[in-house]
Amino acid sequence: MKINSLNADFLGFALYRAILGKCSHLPIANEQQEWLKGYVRRRFEKRKHLQSHRLVVQALEEGYEVERRMRASVAGDADITSMIVAKITKLSLLQDRTKWSIPSKSKNVAAEDMFLGSFSQNATGKRLHAEHRPPAPYPSATPVLERPYASVTGRRRIPIFVSANKIPFLRFKKPQSPFLSRLINDKIKQRQKLRDRLERTGDLLEVAKAEDAWDRSIAHEHGISHDLESLWVDEIKITEKSTTATLINEKMKNSVLAAKMIEIVDREKELVMEEREARRRSNVQDRWVKGAARLARKAKEEMHNVEGSIASLR
């Protein structure tokens, strides 16, 4: 199946539900089953925000391989079962050892990837990076919220408050900074992805209800155990709730940022008026000093002419 943005969420939910359901049927101890369920939930929670198509495909391939191995273990493959037990034991011991030590990002990442990474190697063997790396700031740029500056070289310029598709920013000059343009575009694209995801959850909710109804029907007709703790509808609602919360949080952040930027513009205007008044007073004082010097010079010349006339009369 070709994986795209429209079915990636659905495939991820289906894979999550399949792996979580297999945990209860593995021929291992109940404590190990519960530990593995928690581990699976943490792993999917960590990777559910992946946006890169390449990383999504790699994550799904790893998940399918894990699900295939778990099916083999449920079917009676002793070697696979032994490997699963060994991995669970090793990971649990590693977590107990690092619980009271200083957290290390590299160690945590290695521990999280140990089970899925070694249990199912993907085709490329590359580690998945779920964390988003923001673009580096423009060279020598200072945070915009540190303005207004107490003093500037030359005349102070009043920034223009702009809302680009409800993303607030201050424009100080033209052409616009390429870092600022990239930052605004990234925020708009990320918000649109969240809105698209929220819209898809409405469509997937009906599909999830039908899947839950089908599972209940199969369980009733054939006597198959049905895990009520991992329903399709619940996963869709969790995604819908988290996506809505993220959108609301970003909206509130933009509102707070816009208020701070408007305050900066108002303060810049006040400083411009103060500096303009200071320049006016300085110009008036300069003109008065120049006028007084000119009058003194003229008086001196007239006195010199008068003295010359008196000397000629003698």
Protein backbone atom coordinates (compact mmCIF):
# COMPACT_ATOMS: atom_id res chain seq x y z
CA MET A 1 0.00 0.00 0.00
CA LYS A 2 1.24 3.46 -0.85
CA ILE A 3 1.60 5.48 2.34
CA ASN A 4 0.58 9.14 2.26
CA SER A 5 -0.54 11.79 4.71
CA LEU A 6 -4.18 10.71 4.40
CA ASN A 7 -3.74 7.11 5.52
CA ALA A 8 -0.58 7.35 7.67
CA ASP A 9 -2.56 8.18 10.83
CA PHE A 10 -5.03 5.38 10.18
CA LEU A 11 -2.25 2.84 9.56
CA GLY A 12 -0.49 4.00 12.71
CA PHE A 13 -3.63 3.57 14.83
CA ALA A 14 -4.26 0.12 13.37
CA LEU A 15 -0.66 -0.94 13.99
CA TYR A 16 -0.73 0.43 17.54
CA ARG A 17 -3.92 -1.47 18.32
CA ALA A 18 -2.60 -4.68 16.78
CA ILE A 19 0.70 -4.61 18.72
CA LEU A 20 -1.00 -3.64 21.97
CA GLY A 21 -3.51 -6.46 21.56
CA LYS A 22 -0.75 -9.00 20.93
CA CYS A 23 0.94 -8.09 24.23
CA SER A 24 -1.87 -9.77 26.21
CA HIS A 25 -1.52 -13.02 24.25
CA LEU A 26 2.28 -13.45 24.40
CA PRO A 27 3.36 -16.59 26.29
CA ILE A 28 5.22 -14.58 28.94
CA ALA A 29 4.56 -13.57 32.54
CA ASN A 30 1.75 -11.12 33.33
CA GLU A 31 4.23 -8.59 34.76
CA GLN A 32 6.21 -8.68 31.51
CA GLN A 33 3.01 -8.25 29.49
CA GLU A 34 2.05 -5.14 31.46
CA TRP A 35 5.58 -3.74 31.16
CA LEU A 36 5.54 -4.31 27.40
CA LYS A 37 2.15 -2.56 27.05
CA GLY A 38 3.51 0.51 28.79
CA TYR A 39 6.61 0.44 26.60
CA VAL A 40 4.53 0.21 23.42
CA ARG A 41 2.35 3.14 24.53
CA ARG A 42 5.44 5.29 25.21
CA ARG A 43 7.02 4.41 21.86
CA PHE A 44 3.91 5.30 19.86
CA GLU A 45 3.37 8.46 21.91
CA LYS A 46 6.92 9.55 21.07
CA ARG A 47 6.59 8.97 17.32
CA LYS A 48 2.99 9.99 16.67
CA HIS A 49 4.01 13.55 15.73
CA LEU A 50 6.38 12.55 12.91
CA GLN A 51 5.87 14.69 9.80
CA SER A 52 8.59 13.43 7.46
CA HIS A 53 7.27 10.87 4.97
CA ARG A 54 10.56 8.96 5.08
CA LEU A 55 10.51 8.69 8.89
CA VAL A 56 6.84 7.70 8.93
CA VAL A 57 7.49 4.88 6.45
CA GLN A 58 10.48 3.66 8.47
CA ALA A 59 8.46 3.70 11.70
CA LEU A 60 5.61 1.74 10.11
CA GLU A 61 8.02 -0.82 8.64
CA GLU A 62 9.57 -1.36 12.07
CA GLY A 63 6.12 -1.69 13.62
CA TYR A 64 4.98 -4.25 11.05
CA GLU A 65 8.11 -6.31 11.66
CA VAL A 66 7.51 -6.23 15.42
CA GLU A 67 3.87 -7.24 14.93
CA ARG A 68 4.94 -10.14 12.68
CA ARG A 69 7.42 -11.40 15.28
CA MET A 70 4.80 -11.12 18.04
CA ARG A 71 2.33 -13.14 15.95
CA ALA A 72 4.99 -15.81 15.54
CA SER A 73 5.54 -15.86 19.30
CA VAL A 74 1.80 -16.22 19.96
CA ALA A 75 1.71 -19.05 17.42
CA GLY A 76 4.34 -20.95 19.42
CA ASP A 77 7.77 -19.88 18.12
CA ALA A 78 9.97 -20.50 21.15
CA ASP A 79 13.02 -18.70 19.72
CA ILE A 80 11.09 -15.47 19.16
CA THR A 81 9.53 -15.74 22.63
CA SER A 82 12.97 -16.18 24.22
CA MET A 83 14.27 -13.15 22.36
CA ILE A 84 11.32 -11.02 23.52
CA VAL A 85 11.81 -12.09 27.13
CA ALA A 86 15.53 -11.32 26.91
CA LYS A 87 14.88 -7.85 25.49
CA ILE A 88 12.25 -7.06 28.14
CA THR A 89 14.59 -8.20 30.92
CA LYS A 90 17.49 -6.16 29.58
CA LEU A 91 15.42 -3.02 29.14
CA SER A 92 13.78 -3.28 32.56
CA LEU A 93 17.16 -3.73 34.24
CA LEU A 94 18.56 -0.76 32.33
CA GLN A 95 15.65 1.44 33.43
CA ASP A 96 16.08 0.37 37.06
CA ARG A 97 19.77 1.18 36.85
CA THR A 98 19.25 4.65 35.40
CA LYS A 99 16.22 5.58 37.55
CA TRP A 100 18.35 7.11 40.33
CA SER A 101 21.17 8.42 38.13
CA ILE A 102 21.47 11.74 36.32
CA PRO A 103 19.38 11.60 33.11
CA SER A 104 21.42 11.42 29.92
CA LYS A 105 19.74 12.15 26.62
CA SER A 106 21.98 9.79 24.65
CA LYS A 107 21.40 6.95 27.13
CA ASN A 108 17.66 7.47 27.13
CA VAL A 109 17.51 7.45 23.36
CA ALA A 110 19.59 4.27 23.22
CA ALA A 111 17.35 2.58 25.78
CA GLU A 112 14.18 3.57 23.94
CA ASP A 113 15.50 2.35 20.59
CA MET A 114 17.01 -0.88 21.93
CA PHE A 115 13.85 -2.97 21.75
CA LEU A 116 12.41 -1.87 18.41
CA GLY A 117 15.80 -1.02 16.89
CA SER A 118 17.40 -4.42 17.49
CA PHE A 119 14.19 -6.45 17.42
CA SER A 120 13.36 -5.24 13.90
CA GLN A 121 16.05 -3.68 11.74
CA ASN A 122 14.68 -1.58 8.91
CA ALA A 123 16.12 -1.57 5.43
CA THR A 124 18.31 1.50 5.93
CA GLY A 125 19.29 0.91 9.55
CA LYS A 126 19.02 4.64 10.29
CA ARG A 127 17.80 5.94 13.63
CA LEU A 128 14.54 7.81 13.57
CA HIS A 129 14.66 11.42 14.77
CA ALA A 130 11.28 12.46 16.13
CA GLU A 131 12.45 15.74 17.58
CA HIS A 132 11.96 18.84 15.50
CA ARG A 133 15.04 21.02 15.01
CA PRO A 134 14.08 24.69 14.66
CA PRO A 135 15.94 26.80 12.11
CA ALA A 136 19.00 28.65 13.37
CA PRO A 137 18.49 32.37 14.05
CA TYR A 138 19.73 34.94 11.58
CA PRO A 139 23.41 35.81 12.23
CA SER A 140 23.92 38.63 14.81
CA ALA A 141 20.14 38.94 15.29
CA THR A 142 18.79 39.91 18.71
CA PRO A 143 15.43 38.75 20.11
CA VAL A 144 12.68 41.09 19.00
CA LEU A 145 11.14 41.20 22.49
CA GLU A 146 14.29 42.89 23.82
CA ARG A 147 13.28 46.07 22.03
CA PRO A 148 13.05 49.01 22.27
CA TYR A 149 16.75 49.78 22.68
CA ALA A 150 17.72 52.59 25.02
CA SER A 151 19.83 54.20 22.30
CA VAL A 152 20.32 53.66 18.58
CA THR A 153 22.73 54.91 15.96
CA GLY A 154 21.01 57.36 13.62
CA ARG A 155 17.32 58.04 13.75
CA ARG A 156 15.01 55.59 15.44
CA ARG A 157 12.55 53.76 13.17
CA ILE A 158 9.08 52.73 14.29
CA PRO A 159 8.45 49.04 13.47
CA ILE A 160 5.26 48.01 11.71
CA PHE A 161 3.07 45.41 13.39
CA VAL A 162 1.96 42.81 10.82
CA SER A 163 -0.24 39.73 11.10
CA ALA A 164 0.72 37.21 8.42
CA ASN A 165 -2.15 34.72 8.37
CA LYS A 166 -2.62 35.41 12.11
CA ILE A 167 1.11 34.95 12.80
CA PRO A 168 2.24 38.22 14.47
CA PHE A 169 5.62 39.79 13.73
CA LEU A 170 7.32 43.19 13.52
CA ARG A 171 8.72 44.51 10.26
CA PHE A 172 11.65 46.87 10.75
CA LYS A 173 12.93 47.18 7.21
CA LYS A 174 12.65 45.98 3.65
CA PRO A 175 13.56 43.54 2.23
CA GLN A 176 12.31 41.21 4.95
CA SER A 177 14.80 38.98 6.72
CA PRO A 178 15.00 35.50 5.08
CA PHE A 179 15.06 33.93 8.56
CA LEU A 180 11.81 35.71 9.45
CA SER A 181 10.17 34.59 6.21
CA ARG A 182 11.24 30.98 6.80
CA LEU A 183 10.02 31.08 10.39
CA ILE A 184 6.59 32.44 9.40
CA ASN A 185 6.21 29.88 6.61
CA ASP A 186 7.15 27.02 8.96
CA LYS A 187 4.56 28.13 11.52
CA ILE A 188 1.84 28.44 8.90
CA LYS A 189 2.64 25.01 7.42
CA GLN A 190 2.73 23.37 10.85
CA ARG A 191 -0.62 24.90 11.81
CA GLN A 192 -2.17 23.77 8.52
CA LYS A 193 -0.93 20.22 9.12
CA LEU A 194 -2.61 20.23 12.53
CA ARG A 195 -5.85 21.49 11.00
CA ASP A 196 -5.71 18.82 8.30
CA ARG A 197 -5.14 16.17 10.95
CA LEU A 198 -8.08 17.46 12.97
CA GLU A 199 -10.29 17.33 9.89
CA ARG A 200 -9.20 13.76 9.12
CA THR A 201 -10.05 12.61 12.63
CA GLY A 202 -13.70 13.45 11.93
CA ASP A 203 -13.72 11.09 8.96
CA LEU A 204 -11.70 8.42 10.77
CA LEU A 205 -14.07 8.50 13.75
CA GLU A 206 -16.85 6.91 11.72
CA VAL A 207 -14.44 4.27 10.42
CA ALA A 208 -13.27 3.58 13.97
CA LYS A 209 -16.86 3.12 15.17
CA ALA A 210 -17.48 0.62 12.38
CA GLU A 211 -14.26 -1.26 13.28
CA ASP A 212 -15.25 -1.46 16.95
CA ALA A 213 -18.70 -2.71 15.98
CA TRP A 214 -17.10 -5.33 13.72
CA ASP A 215 -14.76 -6.47 16.52
CA ARG A 216 -17.66 -6.83 18.94
CA SER A 217 -19.61 -8.80 16.36
CA ILE A 218 -16.70 -11.16 15.69
CA ALA A 219 -16.06 -11.61 19.40
CA HIS A 220 -19.73 -12.42 20.00
CA GLU A 221 -20.11 -14.86 17.10
CA HIS A 222 -16.82 -16.75 17.43
CA GLY A 223 -16.08 -16.36 21.12
CA ILE A 224 -12.89 -14.39 20.55
CA SER A 225 -11.72 -12.24 23.48
CA HIS A 226 -12.15 -8.53 22.81
CA ASP A 227 -9.79 -6.05 24.49
CA LEU A 228 -12.04 -3.17 25.57
CA GLU A 229 -9.05 -1.13 26.76
CA SER A 230 -7.80 -0.47 23.22
CA LEU A 231 -10.71 0.68 21.10
CA TRP A 232 -10.32 2.36 17.74
CA VAL A 233 -12.61 5.22 18.81
CA ASP A 234 -10.51 5.97 21.91
CA GLU A 235 -7.34 6.43 19.88
CA ILE A 236 -9.07 8.75 17.42
CA LYS A 237 -10.52 10.83 20.27
CA ILE A 238 -7.12 11.08 21.98
CA THR A 239 -5.59 12.38 18.76
CA GLU A 240 -8.45 14.82 18.25
CA LYS A 241 -8.14 16.12 21.80
CA SER A 242 -4.36 16.56 21.67
CA THR A 243 -4.50 18.26 18.25
CA THR A 244 -7.22 20.66 19.40
CA ALA A 245 -5.24 21.47 22.55
CA THR A 246 -2.13 22.18 20.47
CA LEU A 247 -4.02 24.54 18.17
CA ILE A 248 -5.58 26.39 21.12
CA ASN A 249 -2.21 26.66 22.84
CA GLU A 250 -0.56 28.09 19.71
CA LYS A 251 -3.41 30.59 19.33
CA MET A 252 -2.96 31.78 22.91
CA LYS A 253 0.80 32.11 22.41
CA ASN A 254 0.25 34.22 19.29
CA SER A 255 -2.19 36.46 21.19
CA VAL A 256 0.32 37.03 24.00
CA LEU A 257 3.11 37.65 21.47
CA ALA A 258 0.95 40.12 19.52
CA ALA A 259 0.18 42.08 22.71
CA LYS A 260 3.89 42.31 23.53
CA MET A 261 4.71 43.45 20.00
CA ILE A 262 2.01 46.13 20.05
CA GLU A 263 3.47 47.34 23.35
CA ILE A 264 6.90 47.53 21.69
CA VAL A 265 5.45 49.60 18.82
CA ASP A 266 3.79 52.00 21.29
CA ARG A 267 7.00 52.38 23.27
CA GLU A 268 9.00 52.96 20.06
CA LYS A 269 6.56 55.71 19.09
CA GLU A 270 7.03 57.38 22.48
CA LEU A 271 10.81 57.23 22.14
CA VAL A 272 10.62 58.65 18.61
CA MET A 273 8.58 61.61 19.90
CA GLU A 274 10.98 62.14 22.79
CA GLU A 275 14.02 62.02 20.52
CA ARG A 276 12.30 64.31 18.01
CA GLU A 277 11.58 66.85 20.77
CA ALA A 278 15.18 66.57 21.97
CA ARG A 279 16.44 67.24 18.44
CA ARG A 280 14.09 70.23 18.13
CA ARG A 281 15.37 71.72 21.37
CA SER A 282 18.93 71.05 20.31
CA ASN A 283 18.29 72.76 16.95
CA VAL A 284 16.71 75.76 18.66
CA GLN A 285 19.65 76.06 21.00
CA ASP A 286 22.09 75.75 18.11
CA ARG A 287 20.25 78.45 16.17
CA TRP A 288 20.25 80.74 19.23
CA VAL A 289 23.99 80.21 19.76
CA LYS A 290 24.72 80.83 16.07
CA GLY A 291 22.51 83.95 16.09
CA ALA A 292 24.22 85.33 19.19
CA ALA A 293 27.63 84.70 17.65
CA ARG A 294 26.54 86.40 14.43
CA LEU A 295 25.27 89.48 16.34
CA ALA A 296 28.47 89.65 18.35
CA ARG A 297 30.51 89.45 15.18
CA LYS A 298 28.43 92.21 13.55
CA ALA A 299 28.73 94.44 16.63
CA LYS A 300 32.46 93.96 16.63
CA GLU A 301 32.67 94.95 12.96
CA GLU A 302 30.59 98.08 13.55
CA MET A 303 32.76 99.06 16.52
CA HIS A 304 35.82 98.61 14.35
CA ASN A 305 34.29 100.88 11.65
CA VAL A 306 33.42 103.54 14.20
CA GLU A 307 36.95 103.54 15.60
CA GLY A 308 38.32 103.86 12.07
CA SER A 309 36.07 106.87 11.37
CA ILE A 310 37.14 108.62 14.57
CA ALA A 311 40.79 108.03 13.78
CA SER A 312 40.39 109.57 10.30
CA LEU A 313 38.74 112.74 11.73
CA ARG A 314 41.72 113.38 13.92
